[in-house]
């Protein structure tokens, strides 16, 4: 097989880039595939990946070469015709990506790989008429896009319902990134959250919940790891809530498994998600999670009151109560952590990547 991925960027710290680096490495080393990656919208001048990519991958950066979408499509076509892939995988959540096959060489097989809910495409913080009009037209484009792809791959049943008008849908979950030999002892008085400071991740909701937790459990801390942004100033919000002494903000780290193993509870406060790797990772480390039951996939990953706890999105009081329940009941915490580590092994790389190989081979026949 000869795979050619089309992505926005490779130097980000997000889950899409992380999965891409691991998946392509597995395909090359285990399946002997040839892989290329076209980068079309790198934000920084330096495209050095945050995660490690296999040295045998051919990387094509067309960010600077073309500024318009039509110019980028022309460059993509040129690379496709030179690379001669068996499959072109469009791995971009932008609305425009749904229509790429209309402008690309039709003799190749095209797969759309979707990593997020449709909600990521809409304006969330504005009530202006212009933004409402943009969202109206985006919804139309989202509801009709994707029909020219030979196959569409989504991450969960929740995702498949968002694309129910398509007949060529495959559900392939994200795989486990790692499965440590040991589990977290769940003795440290630390609640962990991981993610960039973006509205999607709901850290504003988490900090609001933490006000209640910190009042009762002053010896516990909230540790938040992730890239900070100017639009979401969580440090100032923590100060406004007067909880800055019990909340610590950290930059992203590559040895995140060590961080999980030193934590006792994971807090997933997202308003919406794709198939959150952080949840897979904390469960693999035996750390129970309290999570908003947001779209998509949370209810498919956490078995409520068995290996974690679901809370309705936005209910910060219930979120706080659930965190305190695990803080105050260490035996429940340990039991849920043990179950989490056991249950998440159903997403081992060997199982998930075999599904990809079956998809590639079946589309060739």
Foldseek 3Di string as FASTA:
>chain_A
DEEEEEEQAAADPDPLNVLVQVLVVCCCPPVVYAYEYEHAHYPDPDRPGPDDHDPRYHYHYCPVVDDDPLVSLVVVQVVCVVRVGQEYEYEYLELVSLCSCVSHDLPHAYEYEYQWAVVVHADDPDDDPVSVVVVVVSVVSQQPGNASHPAYEAADPLRCVSNVVHDRYDHFHRFQPDQDPAAAPLPAQEEEEEEEQDVQQQVLLVLVLVLVLCVVCVRHAYEYEEHYDPVRPVCVSNVVSPNNVRYHYHYHDPVCLVVLSHHNEYERQGQEGGRDNVLLSNLSRLHEYEYECHPDDPCVLDDDLQQYHYDHHPPSNVSSVRVVVCVVDVVSSNRSSVVSNVVSCVRHPVVRSVVVVVVSVVVVD
